[in-house]
Amino acid sequence: MLYDKLSTAWENCDVESEMALYHSDYEFKFHSTGDVMRKSDINLDTRLAFMKAVKQNNPRCIYENDDIIVAHNITDFPNGTTDAVMMVHLKKDGLIWRTETGSTPIAK
């Protein structure tokens, strides 16, 4: 499944493998600001630094089919915060086409 490939790319900090899973029309919507980042906006060096700095704990796939991936993890961010993160990836042509997330801060 696509989730397994995405997880492996993240665990290995393999930006090229991760980017290959995104559709050319890929968009990531930030609910905090309403901004949309497109695949063409992703800088590979910045993405690699992010992958190295952010720790995803207990990542798991809640559900996946040909149209959608629903995933959850507990994320430790470089600024010291920890959030429970739900990610929904819509698929198009067998690739990740659109991602939206929701996160809830977790008190330490």
N, C-alpha and C. Protein backbone atom coordinates (compact mmCIF):
# COMPACT_ATOMS: atom_id res chain seq x y z
N MET A 1 0.85 -1.19 0.00
CA MET A 1 0.00 0.00 0.00
C MET A 1 0.89 1.25 0.00
N LEU A 2 0.31 2.35 -0.39
CA LEU A 2 1.04 3.61 -0.49
C LEU A 2 1.51 4.11 0.88
N TYR A 3 0.70 3.87 1.92
CA TYR A 3 1.08 4.31 3.26
C TYR A 3 2.42 3.71 3.67
N ASP A 4 2.63 2.43 3.39
CA ASP A 4 3.88 1.78 3.77
C ASP A 4 5.07 2.43 3.07
N LYS A 5 4.92 2.77 1.81
CA LYS A 5 5.99 3.44 1.08
C LYS A 5 6.27 4.83 1.66
N LEU A 6 5.21 5.54 2.01
CA LEU A 6 5.34 6.87 2.60
C LEU A 6 6.06 6.78 3.95
N SER A 7 5.67 5.81 4.77
CA SER A 7 6.30 5.63 6.09
C SER A 7 7.77 5.29 5.96
N THR A 8 8.09 4.41 5.03
CA THR A 8 9.48 4.00 4.83
C THR A 8 10.33 5.18 4.37
N ALA A 9 9.79 5.98 3.46
CA ALA A 9 10.52 7.17 3.00
C ALA A 9 10.77 8.12 4.15
N TRP A 10 9.78 8.33 5.02
CA TRP A 10 9.93 9.23 6.17
C TRP A 10 10.98 8.68 7.13
N GLU A 11 10.86 7.41 7.48
CA GLU A 11 11.80 6.79 8.43
C GLU A 11 13.23 6.87 7.93
N ASN A 12 13.43 6.76 6.63
CA ASN A 12 14.77 6.77 6.04
C ASN A 12 15.21 8.17 5.60
N CYS A 13 14.39 9.18 5.88
CA CYS A 13 14.67 10.54 5.43
C CYS A 13 15.02 10.55 3.95
N ASP A 14 14.21 9.84 3.18
CA ASP A 14 14.43 9.69 1.74
C ASP A 14 13.47 10.61 0.99
N VAL A 15 13.91 11.83 0.79
CA VAL A 15 13.07 12.86 0.18
C VAL A 15 12.66 12.48 -1.24
N GLU A 16 13.59 11.94 -2.00
CA GLU A 16 13.28 11.60 -3.39
C GLU A 16 12.18 10.54 -3.47
N SER A 17 12.28 9.52 -2.61
CA SER A 17 11.24 8.48 -2.60
C SER A 17 9.90 9.04 -2.15
N GLU A 18 9.93 9.95 -1.16
CA GLU A 18 8.68 10.56 -0.71
C GLU A 18 8.06 11.39 -1.82
N MET A 19 8.86 12.21 -2.48
CA MET A 19 8.34 13.08 -3.54
C MET A 19 7.76 12.28 -4.70
N ALA A 20 8.32 11.10 -4.96
CA ALA A 20 7.81 10.25 -6.04
C ALA A 20 6.41 9.74 -5.75
N LEU A 21 5.98 9.80 -4.48
CA LEU A 21 4.64 9.35 -4.10
C LEU A 21 3.59 10.43 -4.26
N TYR A 22 4.02 11.67 -4.53
CA TYR A 22 3.11 12.80 -4.68
C TYR A 22 2.77 13.02 -6.16
N HIS A 23 1.51 13.20 -6.42
CA HIS A 23 1.02 13.53 -7.76
C HIS A 23 1.58 14.88 -8.19
N SER A 24 1.72 15.10 -9.47
CA SER A 24 2.23 16.39 -9.96
C SER A 24 1.33 17.56 -9.54
N ASP A 25 0.05 17.29 -9.28
CA ASP A 25 -0.90 18.31 -8.81
C ASP A 25 -1.02 18.36 -7.29
N TYR A 26 -0.07 17.77 -6.57
CA TYR A 26 -0.14 17.66 -5.11
C TYR A 26 -0.31 19.01 -4.43
N GLU A 27 -1.17 19.01 -3.38
CA GLU A 27 -1.39 20.19 -2.54
C GLU A 27 -1.46 19.76 -1.09
N PHE A 28 -0.90 20.58 -0.21
CA PHE A 28 -0.98 20.38 1.23
C PHE A 28 -1.65 21.61 1.81
N LYS A 29 -2.78 21.42 2.48
CA LYS A 29 -3.52 22.55 3.04
C LYS A 29 -3.20 22.70 4.51
N PHE A 30 -2.80 23.90 4.90
CA PHE A 30 -2.52 24.23 6.30
C PHE A 30 -3.79 24.81 6.92
N HIS A 31 -4.38 24.08 7.84
CA HIS A 31 -5.61 24.57 8.47
C HIS A 31 -5.35 25.77 9.36
N SER A 32 -4.13 25.87 9.91
CA SER A 32 -3.84 26.98 10.82
C SER A 32 -3.87 28.32 10.08
N THR A 33 -3.51 28.34 8.80
CA THR A 33 -3.44 29.59 8.07
C THR A 33 -4.34 29.63 6.83
N GLY A 34 -4.76 28.45 6.37
CA GLY A 34 -5.53 28.37 5.14
C GLY A 34 -4.65 28.34 3.89
N ASP A 35 -3.33 28.44 4.10
CA ASP A 35 -2.40 28.41 2.97
C ASP A 35 -2.38 27.03 2.33
N VAL A 36 -2.03 26.99 1.06
CA VAL A 36 -1.88 25.74 0.33
C VAL A 36 -0.47 25.70 -0.25
N MET A 37 0.24 24.61 0.05
CA MET A 37 1.57 24.39 -0.51
C MET A 37 1.44 23.35 -1.62
N ARG A 38 2.03 23.63 -2.75
CA ARG A 38 1.99 22.71 -3.88
C ARG A 38 3.32 21.95 -3.98
N LYS A 39 3.31 20.87 -4.71
CA LYS A 39 4.52 20.06 -4.87
C LYS A 39 5.67 20.93 -5.36
N SER A 40 5.39 21.82 -6.28
CA SER A 40 6.43 22.68 -6.84
C SER A 40 7.01 23.66 -5.81
N ASP A 41 6.30 23.86 -4.68
CA ASP A 41 6.78 24.75 -3.63
C ASP A 41 7.75 24.06 -2.67
N ILE A 42 7.85 22.75 -2.74
CA ILE A 42 8.64 21.99 -1.78
C ILE A 42 10.12 22.03 -2.16
N ASN A 43 10.93 22.58 -1.28
CA ASN A 43 12.37 22.61 -1.45
C ASN A 43 12.92 21.32 -0.84
N LEU A 44 13.67 20.54 -1.59
CA LEU A 44 14.13 19.23 -1.14
C LEU A 44 15.06 19.32 0.07
N ASP A 45 15.92 20.32 0.12
CA ASP A 45 16.81 20.47 1.28
C ASP A 45 16.03 20.83 2.54
N THR A 46 15.06 21.71 2.39
CA THR A 46 14.22 22.09 3.52
C THR A 46 13.39 20.90 4.00
N ARG A 47 12.87 20.14 3.05
CA ARG A 47 12.08 18.95 3.40
C ARG A 47 12.94 17.93 4.14
N LEU A 48 14.16 17.72 3.69
CA LEU A 48 15.06 16.79 4.37
C LEU A 48 15.35 17.25 5.79
N ALA A 49 15.60 18.53 5.97
CA ALA A 49 15.85 19.07 7.31
C ALA A 49 14.63 18.85 8.21
N PHE A 50 13.43 19.05 7.65
CA PHE A 50 12.19 18.83 8.40
C PHE A 50 12.05 17.36 8.80
N MET A 51 12.32 16.46 7.87
CA MET A 51 12.22 15.03 8.15
C MET A 51 13.18 14.62 9.26
N LYS A 52 14.36 15.22 9.29
CA LYS A 52 15.35 14.89 10.32
C LYS A 52 14.99 15.49 11.67
N ALA A 53 14.33 16.64 11.68
CA ALA A 53 14.05 17.36 12.92
C ALA A 53 12.76 16.94 13.61
N VAL A 54 11.81 16.41 12.85
CA VAL A 54 10.49 16.07 13.39
C VAL A 54 10.44 14.57 13.67
N LYS A 55 10.03 14.21 14.88
CA LYS A 55 9.95 12.80 15.25
C LYS A 55 8.49 12.36 15.31
N GLN A 56 8.15 11.37 14.50
CA GLN A 56 6.80 10.81 14.50
C GLN A 56 6.82 9.54 15.36
N ASN A 57 6.05 9.55 16.43
CA ASN A 57 5.97 8.42 17.34
C ASN A 57 4.69 7.63 17.08
N ASN A 58 4.80 6.33 17.13
CA ASN A 58 3.66 5.44 16.96
C ASN A 58 2.85 5.76 15.69
N PRO A 59 3.53 5.92 14.54
CA PRO A 59 2.77 6.19 13.32
C PRO A 59 1.95 4.97 12.93
N ARG A 60 0.74 5.22 12.49
CA ARG A 60 -0.13 4.10 12.08
C ARG A 60 -1.11 4.55 11.03
N CYS A 61 -1.44 3.59 10.20
CA CYS A 61 -2.45 3.80 9.17
C CYS A 61 -3.79 3.38 9.76
N ILE A 62 -4.72 4.30 9.82
CA ILE A 62 -6.07 4.00 10.31
C ILE A 62 -6.87 3.31 9.21
N TYR A 63 -6.70 3.82 7.98
CA TYR A 63 -7.47 3.27 6.86
C TYR A 63 -6.80 3.66 5.55
N GLU A 64 -6.83 2.75 4.59
CA GLU A 64 -6.35 3.06 3.24
C GLU A 64 -7.14 2.26 2.22
N ASN A 65 -7.53 2.94 1.15
CA ASN A 65 -8.09 2.26 -0.02
C ASN A 65 -7.57 2.98 -1.26
N ASP A 66 -8.16 2.77 -2.40
CA ASP A 66 -7.68 3.38 -3.64
C ASP A 66 -7.85 4.89 -3.70
N ASP A 67 -8.67 5.44 -2.80
CA ASP A 67 -8.99 6.87 -2.84
C ASP A 67 -8.41 7.69 -1.71
N ILE A 68 -8.06 7.05 -0.58
CA ILE A 68 -7.73 7.83 0.62
C ILE A 68 -6.80 7.05 1.55
N ILE A 69 -5.99 7.80 2.29
CA ILE A 69 -5.21 7.28 3.40
C ILE A 69 -5.55 8.13 4.61
N VAL A 70 -5.87 7.50 5.73
CA VAL A 70 -6.07 8.20 6.99
C VAL A 70 -5.01 7.67 7.94
N ALA A 71 -4.17 8.56 8.45
CA ALA A 71 -3.05 8.15 9.29
C ALA A 71 -3.00 8.99 10.56
N HIS A 72 -2.35 8.46 11.60
CA HIS A 72 -2.24 9.16 12.88
C HIS A 72 -0.87 8.91 13.47
N ASN A 73 -0.34 9.91 14.17
CA ASN A 73 0.89 9.74 14.93
C ASN A 73 0.96 10.79 16.02
N ILE A 74 1.89 10.59 16.93
CA ILE A 74 2.22 11.60 17.93
C ILE A 74 3.53 12.21 17.46
N THR A 75 3.53 13.52 17.25
CA THR A 75 4.67 14.19 16.65
C THR A 75 5.37 15.10 17.66
N ASP A 76 6.68 14.93 17.76
CA ASP A 76 7.53 15.85 18.54
C ASP A 76 8.17 16.82 17.58
N PHE A 77 7.93 18.12 17.80
CA PHE A 77 8.46 19.16 16.94
C PHE A 77 9.73 19.77 17.53
N PRO A 78 10.58 20.37 16.70
CA PRO A 78 11.84 20.95 17.18
C PRO A 78 11.66 22.04 18.24
N ASN A 79 10.51 22.70 18.25
CA ASN A 79 10.29 23.77 19.24
C ASN A 79 9.89 23.23 20.61
N GLY A 80 9.87 21.89 20.76
CA GLY A 80 9.58 21.28 22.05
C GLY A 80 8.12 20.89 22.25
N THR A 81 7.25 21.21 21.31
CA THR A 81 5.84 20.85 21.45
C THR A 81 5.60 19.44 20.92
N THR A 82 4.54 18.84 21.42
CA THR A 82 4.11 17.51 20.98
C THR A 82 2.64 17.59 20.63
N ASP A 83 2.28 17.06 19.46
CA ASP A 83 0.90 17.08 19.00
C ASP A 83 0.46 15.68 18.57
N ALA A 84 -0.82 15.40 18.76
CA ALA A 84 -1.44 14.24 18.12
C ALA A 84 -1.86 14.73 16.74
N VAL A 85 -1.39 14.05 15.70
CA VAL A 85 -1.60 14.52 14.33
C VAL A 85 -2.39 13.50 13.52
N MET A 86 -3.50 13.94 12.95
CA MET A 86 -4.29 13.13 12.03
C MET A 86 -4.03 13.67 10.63
N MET A 87 -3.67 12.78 9.72
CA MET A 87 -3.39 13.18 8.34
C MET A 87 -4.33 12.44 7.40
N VAL A 88 -4.92 13.18 6.48
CA VAL A 88 -5.78 12.58 5.47
C VAL A 88 -5.16 12.91 4.12
N HIS A 89 -4.83 11.85 3.38
CA HIS A 89 -4.24 11.99 2.05
C HIS A 89 -5.27 11.48 1.04
N LEU A 90 -5.70 12.34 0.13
CA LEU A 90 -6.54 11.91 -0.97
C LEU A 90 -5.64 11.45 -2.10
N LYS A 91 -6.06 10.43 -2.81
CA LYS A 91 -5.26 9.86 -3.89
C LYS A 91 -5.86 10.21 -5.26
N LYS A 92 -4.96 10.29 -6.23
CA LYS A 92 -5.35 10.51 -7.62
C LYS A 92 -4.32 9.78 -8.48
N ASP A 93 -4.78 8.95 -9.38
CA ASP A 93 -3.88 8.19 -10.26
C ASP A 93 -2.87 7.35 -9.48
N GLY A 94 -3.29 6.85 -8.31
CA GLY A 94 -2.43 5.98 -7.50
C GLY A 94 -1.38 6.71 -6.68
N LEU A 95 -1.42 8.05 -6.66
CA LEU A 95 -0.46 8.84 -5.91
C LEU A 95 -1.18 9.76 -4.93
N ILE A 96 -0.44 10.31 -3.98
CA ILE A 96 -1.02 11.25 -3.03
C ILE A 96 -1.24 12.57 -3.76
N TRP A 97 -2.48 13.02 -3.73
CA TRP A 97 -2.87 14.21 -4.48
C TRP A 97 -3.11 15.42 -3.58
N ARG A 98 -3.69 15.20 -2.41
CA ARG A 98 -4.01 16.31 -1.50
C ARG A 98 -3.90 15.83 -0.07
N THR A 99 -3.27 16.63 0.77
CA THR A 99 -3.11 16.29 2.19
C THR A 99 -3.71 17.39 3.04
N GLU A 100 -4.47 16.98 4.04
CA GLU A 100 -4.95 17.89 5.07
C GLU A 100 -4.67 17.25 6.41
N THR A 101 -4.33 18.07 7.37
CA THR A 101 -4.02 17.55 8.71
C THR A 101 -4.82 18.29 9.75
N GLY A 102 -4.92 17.65 10.87
CA GLY A 102 -5.46 18.27 12.07
C GLY A 102 -4.57 17.84 13.22
N SER A 103 -4.28 18.75 14.13
CA SER A 103 -3.43 18.37 15.23
C SER A 103 -3.97 18.93 16.55
N THR A 104 -3.69 18.19 17.60
CA THR A 104 -4.10 18.57 18.95
C THR A 104 -2.87 18.59 19.83
N PRO A 105 -2.56 19.73 20.45
CA PRO A 105 -1.41 19.78 21.35
C PRO A 105 -1.59 18.81 22.52
N ILE A 106 -0.49 18.20 22.91
CA ILE A 106 -0.49 17.28 24.05
C ILE A 106 0.39 17.90 25.13
N ALA A 107 -0.15 18.06 26.32
CA ALA A 107 0.64 18.61 27.44
C ALA A 107 1.64 17.57 27.91
N LYS A 108 2.82 18.02 28.22
CA LYS A 108 3.86 17.10 28.70
C LYS A 108 3.79 16.93 30.18
